[in-house]
C-alpha atoms as a PDB file:
ATOM      1  CA  MET A   1      98.522 136.574 136.278  1.00  0.00           C
ATOM      2  CA  ILE A   2     101.531 134.994 134.511  1.00  0.00           C
ATOM      3  CA  LYS A   3     100.860 131.701 136.302  1.00  0.00           C
ATOM      4  CA  ALA A   4      97.268 131.685 135.069  1.00  0.00           C
ATOM      5  CA  ALA A   5      98.384 132.335 131.471  1.00  0.00           C
ATOM      6  CA  ASN A   6     100.984 129.534 131.640  1.00  0.00           C
ATOM      7  CA  ASN A   7      98.424 127.175 133.165  1.00  0.00           C
ATOM      8  CA  MET A   8      95.884 127.978 130.425  1.00  0.00           C
ATOM      9  CA  ALA A   9      98.506 127.405 127.698  1.00  0.00           C
ATOM     10  CA  PHE A  10      99.417 124.089 129.327  1.00  0.00           C
ATOM     11  CA  ASN A  11      95.746 123.054 129.395  1.00  0.00           C
ATOM     12  CA  LYS A  12      95.277 123.923 125.703  1.00  0.00           C
ATOM     13  CA  THR A  13      98.408 121.978 124.757  1.00  0.00           C
ATOM     14  CA  THR A  14      97.325 118.985 126.813  1.00  0.00           C
ATOM     15  CA  LEU A  15      93.846 119.086 125.307  1.00  0.00           C
ATOM     16  CA  MET A  16      95.275 119.208 121.774  1.00  0.00           C
ATOM     17  CA  LEU A  17      97.561 116.237 122.491  1.00  0.00           C
ATOM     18  CA  VAL A  18      94.638 114.213 123.852  1.00  0.00           C
ATOM     19  CA  VAL A  19      92.509 115.029 120.797  1.00  0.00           C
ATOM     20  CA  LEU A  20      95.353 114.116 118.424  1.00  0.00           C
ATOM     21  CA  CYS A  21      95.902 110.817 120.263  1.00  0.00           C
ATOM     22  CA  PHE A  22      92.223 109.924 119.923  1.00  0.00           C
ATOM     23  CA  ILE A  23      92.310 110.737 116.203  1.00  0.00           C
ATOM     24  CA  LEU A  24      95.438 108.613 115.730  1.00  0.00           C
ATOM     25  CA  ILE A  25      93.922 105.673 117.612  1.00  0.00           C
ATOM     26  CA  HIS A  26      90.737 105.964 115.547  1.00  0.00           C
ATOM     27  CA  GLU A  27      92.691 106.009 112.265  1.00  0.00           C
ATOM     28  CA  LEU A  28      94.736 102.968 113.290  1.00  0.00           C
ATOM     29  CA  GLU A  29      91.545 101.113 114.166  1.00  0.00           C
ATOM     30  CA  ILE A  30      90.047 101.903 110.747  1.00  0.00           C
ATOM     31  CA  TYR A  31      93.273 100.804 108.999  1.00  0.00           C
ATOM     32  CA  GLY A  32      93.212  97.522 110.934  1.00  0.00           C
ATOM     33  CA  ARG A  33      89.640  96.832 109.823  1.00  0.00           C
ATOM     34  CA  ILE A  34      90.538  97.507 106.195  1.00  0.00           C
ATOM     35  CA  GLN A  35      93.523  95.134 106.377  1.00  0.00           C
ATOM     36  CA  TYR A  36      91.285  92.455 107.920  1.00  0.00           C
ATOM     37  CA  MET A  37      88.672  92.902 105.185  1.00  0.00           C
ATOM     38  CA  VAL A  38      91.292  92.654 102.432  1.00  0.00           C
ATOM     39  CA  ALA A  39      92.772  89.512 103.989  1.00  0.00           C
ATOM     40  CA  ALA A  40      89.290  88.006 104.325  1.00  0.00           C
ATOM     41  CA  GLN A  41      88.686  88.287 100.559  1.00  0.00           C
ATOM     42  CA  LYS A  42      91.101  85.549  99.463  1.00  0.00           C
ATOM     43  CA  ILE A  43      90.460  84.177  95.996  1.00  0.00           C
ATOM     44  CA  ASP A  44      90.078  80.488  95.146  1.00  0.00           C
ATOM     45  CA  CYS A  45      93.714  79.837  94.207  1.00  0.00           C
ATOM     46  CA  GLU A  46      93.197  76.133  93.603  1.00  0.00           C
ATOM     47  CA  GLY A  47      90.392  76.662  91.090  1.00  0.00           C
ATOM     48  CA  LYS A  48      92.021  79.599  89.328  1.00  0.00           C
ATOM     49  CA  CYS A  49      95.368  77.784  89.039  1.00  0.00           C
ATOM     50  CA  LYS A  50      93.726  74.580  87.833  1.00  0.00           C
ATOM     51  CA  TYR A  51      92.232  76.533  84.926  1.00  0.00           C
ATOM     52  CA  ARG A  52      95.384  78.620  84.360  1.00  0.00           C
ATOM     53  CA  CYS A  53      97.494  75.453  84.038  1.00  0.00           C
ATOM     54  CA  SER A  54      94.917  73.342  82.163  1.00  0.00           C
ATOM     55  CA  LYS A  55      96.877  73.521  78.886  1.00  0.00           C
ATOM     56  CA  ALA A  56     100.380  73.330  80.369  1.00  0.00           C
ATOM     57  CA  SER A  57     102.562  70.399  79.312  1.00  0.00           C
ATOM     58  CA  ARG A  58     103.870  70.013  82.884  1.00  0.00           C
ATOM     59  CA  ASN A  59     100.540  70.424  84.649  1.00  0.00           C
ATOM     60  CA  LYS A  60     101.547  69.505  88.224  1.00  0.00           C
ATOM     61  CA  MET A  61     104.607  71.755  88.201  1.00  0.00           C
ATOM     62  CA  CYS A  62     102.548  74.599  86.741  1.00  0.00           C
ATOM     63  CA  ILE A  63      99.858  74.231  89.411  1.00  0.00           C
ATOM     64  CA  ARG A  64     102.438  74.139  92.214  1.00  0.00           C
ATOM     65  CA  ALA A  65     104.127  77.338  90.978  1.00  0.00           C
ATOM     66  CA  CYS A  66     100.791  79.027  90.306  1.00  0.00           C
ATOM     67  CA  ASN A  67      99.485  78.226  93.803  1.00  0.00           C
ATOM     68  CA  THR A  68     102.650  79.651  95.375  1.00  0.00           C
ATOM     69  CA  CYS A  69     102.270  82.855  93.368  1.00  0.00           C
ATOM     70  CA  CYS A  70      98.551  83.082  94.094  1.00  0.00           C
ATOM     71  CA  ASP A  71      99.081  82.606  97.837  1.00  0.00           C
ATOM     72  CA  ARG A  72     101.587  85.471  97.872  1.00  0.00           C
ATOM     73  CA  CYS A  73      99.763  87.826  95.492  1.00  0.00           C
ATOM     74  CA  ASN A  74      96.104  86.814  95.964  1.00  0.00           C
ATOM     75  CA  CYS A  75      95.752  87.123  92.198  1.00  0.00           C
ATOM     76  CA  VAL A  76      95.913  84.883  89.115  1.00  0.00           C
ATOM     77  CA  PRO A  77      95.742  86.416  85.622  1.00  0.00           C
ATOM     78  CA  PRO A  78      92.735  85.375  83.524  1.00  0.00           C
ATOM     79  CA  GLY A  79      93.130  82.792  80.787  1.00  0.00           C
ATOM     80  CA  THR A  80      95.582  79.960  80.329  1.00  0.00           C
ATOM     81  CA  SER A  81      98.567  82.204  79.523  1.00  0.00           C
ATOM     82  CA  GLY A  82      99.549  85.846  79.176  1.00  0.00           C
ATOM     83  CA  ASN A  83      97.467  88.686  80.655  1.00  0.00           C
ATOM     84  CA  GLU A  84     100.093  89.130  83.380  1.00  0.00           C
ATOM     85  CA  ASP A  85      99.590  92.902  83.347  1.00  0.00           C
ATOM     86  CA  VAL A  86      96.389  92.269  85.342  1.00  0.00           C
ATOM     87  CA  CYS A  87      98.443  91.014  88.324  1.00  0.00           C
ATOM     88  CA  PRO A  88     101.725  92.960  88.615  1.00  0.00           C
ATOM     89  CA  CYS A  89     102.807  91.041  91.740  1.00  0.00           C
ATOM     90  CA  TYR A  90     102.268  87.758  89.894  1.00  0.00           C
ATOM     91  CA  ALA A  91     104.108  89.034  86.813  1.00  0.00           C
ATOM     92  CA  ASN A  92     107.127  90.368  88.743  1.00  0.00           C
ATOM     93  CA  MET A  93     107.812  87.324  90.924  1.00  0.00           C
ATOM     94  CA  THR A  94     111.033  85.559  89.892  1.00  0.00           C
ATOM     95  CA  THR A  95     113.003  82.445  90.798  1.00  0.00           C
ATOM     96  CA  HIS A  96     116.474  82.539  92.347  1.00  0.00           C
ATOM     97  CA  GLY A  97     117.830  82.356  88.796  1.00  0.00           C
ATOM     98  CA  GLY A  98     115.935  85.484  87.724  1.00  0.00           C
ATOM     99  CA  ARG A  99     113.337  83.691  85.563  1.00  0.00           C
ATOM    100  CA  HIS A 100     109.594  84.282  85.855  1.00  0.00           C
ATOM    101  CA  LYS A 101     108.242  82.093  88.628  1.00  0.00           C
ATOM    102  CA  CYS A 102     104.543  82.297  87.843  1.00  0.00           C
ATOM    103  CA  PRO A 103     102.971  80.545  84.855  1.00  0.00           C
END
């Protein structure tokens, strides 16, 4: 009788572990799809940065910095200056000297 009870407890534990593993695998698969979808929705950095830097006095340098920031953040604030609160990653990126990197 004790053997049967131990065997039944073992079967329930095993079944629960199998179910939890399937749930974990399913969740990881869903997370992977979401990451792929987010990565697939890259913005047009070249176009956005061209407009962002259109009024900059050092246009080529501005575009180069903007493209670097856009590639890393996948975001460029609207307008030709300011509005950095729209893209926190863009706003918080700094150079080695601690200055704002993104125009």
